[in-house]
Structure formats: structure tokens, C-alpha cells
N, C-alpha and C. Protein backbone atom coordinates (compact mmCIF):
# COMPACT_ATOMS: atom_id res chain seq x y z
N MET A 1 174.72 140.99 138.63
CA MET A 1 174.42 142.47 139.09
C MET A 1 174.83 142.69 140.37
N VAL A 2 175.81 143.62 140.66
CA VAL A 2 175.89 144.09 142.15
C VAL A 2 175.14 145.56 142.43
N ARG A 3 174.37 145.48 143.71
CA ARG A 3 173.75 146.53 144.04
C ARG A 3 174.53 147.34 144.79
N THR A 4 174.28 148.89 144.47
CA THR A 4 174.86 149.62 145.41
C THR A 4 174.12 149.64 146.84
N PRO A 5 175.20 149.56 147.92
CA PRO A 5 174.67 149.48 149.23
C PRO A 5 173.69 150.71 149.50
N LEU A 6 172.68 150.19 150.36
CA LEU A 6 171.73 151.31 150.77
C LEU A 6 172.45 152.21 151.77
N THR A 7 172.02 153.57 151.84
CA THR A 7 172.33 154.31 152.73
C THR A 7 171.73 154.15 154.26
N PRO A 8 172.08 154.59 155.25
CA PRO A 8 171.15 154.64 156.25
C PRO A 8 169.75 155.18 156.21
N TRP A 9 169.57 156.26 155.58
CA TRP A 9 168.46 157.07 155.25
C TRP A 9 167.64 156.35 154.36
N GLU A 10 168.10 155.85 153.31
CA GLU A 10 167.01 154.80 152.64
C GLU A 10 166.67 153.35 153.19
N ARG A 11 167.51 152.97 154.16
CA ARG A 11 167.06 151.79 155.06
C ARG A 11 166.00 152.25 156.16
N GLU A 12 166.12 153.58 156.69
CA GLU A 12 165.16 154.20 157.33
C GLU A 12 163.73 154.37 156.82
N ARG A 13 163.92 154.88 155.48
CA ARG A 13 162.82 155.19 154.57
C ARG A 13 162.04 153.91 154.46
N GLY A 14 162.56 153.02 153.88
CA GLY A 14 162.11 151.53 153.88
C GLY A 14 161.19 151.19 155.06
N GLU A 15 161.86 151.30 156.36
CA GLU A 15 161.11 150.76 157.46
C GLU A 15 160.20 151.46 157.60
N ARG A 16 160.10 153.04 157.57
CA ARG A 16 158.91 153.68 157.81
C ARG A 16 157.88 153.34 156.78
N PHE A 17 158.04 153.05 155.42
CA PHE A 17 157.34 152.91 154.56
C PHE A 17 156.53 151.33 154.80
N GLY A 18 157.37 150.60 155.28
CA GLY A 18 156.71 149.43 155.72
C GLY A 18 155.87 149.39 156.86
N ALA A 19 156.02 150.14 157.70
CA ALA A 19 155.29 150.51 159.03
C ALA A 19 154.00 151.10 158.81
N LEU A 20 154.00 151.96 157.55
CA LEU A 20 152.85 152.71 156.95
C LEU A 20 152.13 151.61 156.52
N LEU A 21 152.45 150.73 155.83
CA LEU A 21 151.49 149.53 154.98
C LEU A 21 151.03 148.80 156.04
N ARG A 22 151.72 148.37 157.02
CA ARG A 22 151.45 147.51 158.12
C ARG A 22 149.99 148.27 158.90
N GLU A 23 150.38 149.43 159.15
CA GLU A 23 149.17 150.16 159.81
C GLU A 23 147.86 150.20 159.12
N ALA A 24 148.16 150.45 157.77
CA ALA A 24 146.98 150.69 156.83
C ALA A 24 146.31 149.25 156.59
N ARG A 25 147.03 148.10 156.53
CA ARG A 25 146.49 146.84 156.43
C ARG A 25 145.54 146.66 157.52
N GLY A 26 145.97 147.01 158.88
CA GLY A 26 145.07 146.57 159.83
C GLY A 26 144.79 144.92 160.09
N GLU A 27 143.60 144.73 160.15
CA GLU A 27 143.36 143.34 160.50
C GLU A 27 143.22 142.55 159.09
N ARG A 28 143.46 143.13 157.97
CA ARG A 28 143.41 142.18 156.80
C ARG A 28 144.55 141.50 156.68
N SER A 29 144.53 140.59 156.15
CA SER A 29 145.78 139.62 155.93
C SER A 29 146.75 139.92 154.96
N MET A 30 147.99 139.60 154.99
CA MET A 30 148.95 139.74 153.81
C MET A 30 148.55 139.33 152.66
N VAL A 31 148.02 137.97 152.83
CA VAL A 31 147.49 137.42 151.54
C VAL A 31 146.35 137.96 150.78
N GLU A 32 145.52 138.62 151.66
CA GLU A 32 144.50 139.34 150.98
C GLU A 32 144.61 140.53 150.43
N VAL A 33 145.35 141.32 151.05
CA VAL A 33 146.06 142.65 150.36
C VAL A 33 146.98 142.28 149.33
N ALA A 34 147.93 141.48 149.41
CA ALA A 34 148.65 141.15 148.16
C ALA A 34 147.85 140.67 146.90
N ALA A 35 147.06 139.86 147.25
CA ALA A 35 146.17 139.47 145.80
C ALA A 35 145.42 140.63 145.38
N VAL A 36 144.71 141.76 146.30
CA VAL A 36 144.27 142.77 145.67
C VAL A 36 145.35 143.61 144.56
N ALA A 37 146.38 143.85 145.42
CA ALA A 37 147.55 144.58 144.82
C ALA A 37 148.11 143.94 143.51
N GLY A 38 147.92 142.41 143.64
CA GLY A 38 148.51 141.84 142.48
C GLY A 38 149.95 141.36 142.67
N VAL A 39 150.63 141.30 143.78
CA VAL A 39 151.85 141.25 144.28
C VAL A 39 151.86 139.86 145.14
N SER A 40 152.81 139.38 145.16
CA SER A 40 152.88 137.97 145.91
C SER A 40 152.92 138.67 147.48
N ALA A 41 152.57 137.60 148.34
CA ALA A 41 152.46 137.77 150.00
C ALA A 41 154.04 138.00 150.21
N GLU A 42 154.63 137.11 149.79
CA GLU A 42 156.23 137.31 149.99
C GLU A 42 156.92 138.66 149.70
N THR A 43 156.49 139.37 148.63
CA THR A 43 156.61 140.68 148.14
C THR A 43 156.20 141.64 149.34
N LEU A 44 155.25 141.50 149.60
CA LEU A 44 154.44 142.41 150.82
C LEU A 44 155.03 142.27 151.93
N ARG A 45 155.46 141.16 152.42
CA ARG A 45 156.31 140.80 153.74
C ARG A 45 157.38 141.59 153.67
N LYS A 46 158.11 141.23 152.49
CA LYS A 46 159.52 141.99 152.60
C LYS A 46 159.42 143.50 152.65
N ILE A 47 158.43 143.88 151.92
CA ILE A 47 158.55 145.49 151.69
C ILE A 47 158.08 145.86 153.34
N GLU A 48 157.07 145.32 154.09
CA GLU A 48 156.28 145.77 155.23
C GLU A 48 157.73 145.42 156.47
N THR A 49 158.46 144.34 156.28
CA THR A 49 159.71 144.25 157.16
C THR A 49 160.93 145.05 156.90
N GLY A 50 160.81 145.93 155.68
CA GLY A 50 162.03 146.45 155.33
C GLY A 50 163.16 145.95 154.66
N ARG A 51 162.72 144.78 154.37
CA ARG A 51 163.95 143.64 153.58
C ARG A 51 164.00 144.15 152.26
N ALA A 52 162.85 144.95 151.56
CA ALA A 52 162.73 145.09 150.36
C ALA A 52 162.39 146.78 150.34
N PRO A 53 163.50 147.60 150.73
CA PRO A 53 163.23 149.16 150.63
C PRO A 53 163.02 149.93 149.96
N THR A 54 163.17 149.35 148.50
CA THR A 54 162.91 150.30 147.25
C THR A 54 161.93 149.47 146.30
N PRO A 55 160.76 149.32 146.66
CA PRO A 55 159.95 148.53 145.66
C PRO A 55 159.57 149.61 144.50
N SER A 56 159.13 149.05 143.33
CA SER A 56 159.12 149.78 142.02
C SER A 56 157.77 150.64 142.09
N PHE A 57 157.59 151.72 141.30
CA PHE A 57 156.64 152.49 141.54
C PHE A 57 155.23 151.85 141.25
N PHE A 58 155.24 150.82 140.39
CA PHE A 58 154.12 150.26 140.15
C PHE A 58 153.52 149.15 141.29
N THR A 59 154.55 148.80 141.90
CA THR A 59 154.16 147.95 143.27
C THR A 59 153.56 149.01 144.32
N ILE A 60 154.16 150.09 144.41
CA ILE A 60 153.65 151.03 145.37
C ILE A 60 152.33 151.55 145.01
N ALA A 61 152.17 151.73 143.75
CA ALA A 61 150.78 152.23 143.30
C ALA A 61 149.79 151.31 143.49
N ALA A 62 150.23 149.97 143.20
CA ALA A 62 149.09 148.95 143.36
C ALA A 62 148.77 148.65 144.75
N LEU A 63 149.94 148.88 145.93
CA LEU A 63 149.55 148.76 147.15
C LEU A 63 148.80 150.01 147.71
N ALA A 64 149.08 151.06 147.25
CA ALA A 64 148.18 152.35 147.50
C ALA A 64 146.62 151.79 147.15
N PHE A 65 146.46 151.47 146.02
CA PHE A 65 145.44 151.40 145.74
C PHE A 65 144.61 150.30 146.52
N ALA A 66 145.24 149.16 146.83
CA ALA A 66 144.70 147.98 147.81
C ALA A 66 144.33 148.55 149.17
N LEU A 67 145.38 149.43 149.44
CA LEU A 67 145.10 149.84 151.02
C LEU A 67 144.35 151.28 151.23
N ASP A 68 143.75 151.56 149.85
CA ASP A 68 143.00 153.15 149.85
C ASP A 68 143.95 154.11 150.46
N LEU A 69 145.27 154.09 150.07
CA LEU A 69 146.21 155.17 150.27
C LEU A 69 146.39 156.13 149.10
N SER A 70 146.56 157.35 149.37
CA SER A 70 147.02 158.47 148.34
C SER A 70 148.38 158.15 148.10
N LEU A 71 149.22 158.35 146.82
CA LEU A 71 150.41 158.28 146.68
C LEU A 71 151.03 159.69 147.47
N ASP A 72 150.19 160.46 147.68
CA ASP A 72 150.58 161.74 148.62
C ASP A 72 150.91 161.41 149.94
N GLU A 73 150.07 160.40 150.66
CA GLU A 73 150.26 159.95 151.88
C GLU A 73 151.64 159.27 151.88
N LEU A 74 151.71 158.47 150.96
CA LEU A 74 153.29 157.58 150.85
C LEU A 74 154.37 158.45 150.71
N SER A 75 154.19 159.28 149.96
CA SER A 75 155.49 160.39 149.56
C SER A 75 155.68 161.03 151.00
N ALA A 76 154.66 161.40 151.51
CA ALA A 76 155.04 162.13 152.67
C ALA A 76 155.73 161.42 153.79
N ALA A 77 155.30 160.31 153.94
CA ALA A 77 156.02 159.01 154.92
C ALA A 77 157.52 158.87 154.45
N CYS A 78 157.71 159.11 153.26
CA CYS A 78 159.15 158.74 152.92
C CYS A 78 159.91 159.75 152.39
N ALA A 79 159.54 161.03 152.86
CA ALA A 79 160.23 162.17 152.45
C ALA A 79 161.32 162.39 153.43
N LEU A 80 162.41 163.35 153.05
CA LEU A 80 163.67 163.46 153.50
C LEU A 80 163.30 164.02 155.13
N PRO A 81 164.12 163.93 156.06
CA PRO A 81 163.87 164.39 157.23
C PRO A 81 163.66 165.88 157.30
N GLU A 82 163.09 166.53 158.28
CA GLU A 82 162.55 168.04 158.25
C GLU A 82 163.84 168.80 157.88
N ASP A 83 165.11 168.52 158.25
CA ASP A 83 166.10 169.30 157.75
C ASP A 83 166.49 169.29 156.24
N GLY A 84 165.79 168.35 155.84
CA GLY A 84 166.03 168.35 154.28
C GLY A 84 167.39 167.36 153.80
N GLU A 85 168.20 167.04 154.95
CA GLU A 85 169.25 166.31 154.89
C GLU A 85 169.38 164.66 154.92
N ALA A 86 169.87 164.00 154.25
CA ALA A 86 169.73 162.61 154.35
C ALA A 86 170.68 162.29 155.76
N LEU A 87 170.48 161.13 156.47
CA LEU A 87 171.33 160.87 157.54
C LEU A 87 172.71 160.37 156.75
N SER A 88 173.74 160.61 157.58
CA SER A 88 175.11 160.40 157.02
C SER A 88 175.51 159.00 157.08
N ALA A 89 176.18 158.23 156.84
CA ALA A 89 176.72 156.83 156.85
C ALA A 89 177.55 156.79 158.22
């Protein structure tokens, strides 16, 4: 299966999402947070570093629960830029 390349905006969104998760995790280890969310530490590492910029909804919801974040907070962090247009390639 060939994946469609990500746009610059999608990559940026993944990086912002990862940064938010790292900040919310604080001093807790990746292993601890991943265990609470029911995902592997490697999955969490990939998301936090932007290497997996499009995690599934269920992964996002589980991480939100584990980090005590609302889905609204996560959605706001990943919204389109203020002008409403995605970055062009």
C-alpha cells in the first residue's frame, strides 16, 4: 500500500500535536503514559516526535484520557492556521 505524501501543513500539525503531548506528559515517562493509554511506548515516541503525524482517533482519545486533556484542547492545537488556509507545498 502506498501512502499519499503528507502536506507541509499535515507535518506541521503532527509536530504541534507531538509538542502538546510532550508538554502534557511533563515529568511522567513515555512508558508510564503509554501504558495508561494502552499504546506502545514506541507509538507514543513516534507521535511526540512527529514521525507518526496522523494517529488514529482511538489512539488520540486514549492519550487524551491518559494525559487528562480534552479532545477540544487537542483539536484546537491541530486546527488550521488563523487564515483558514493550509500551507502550500
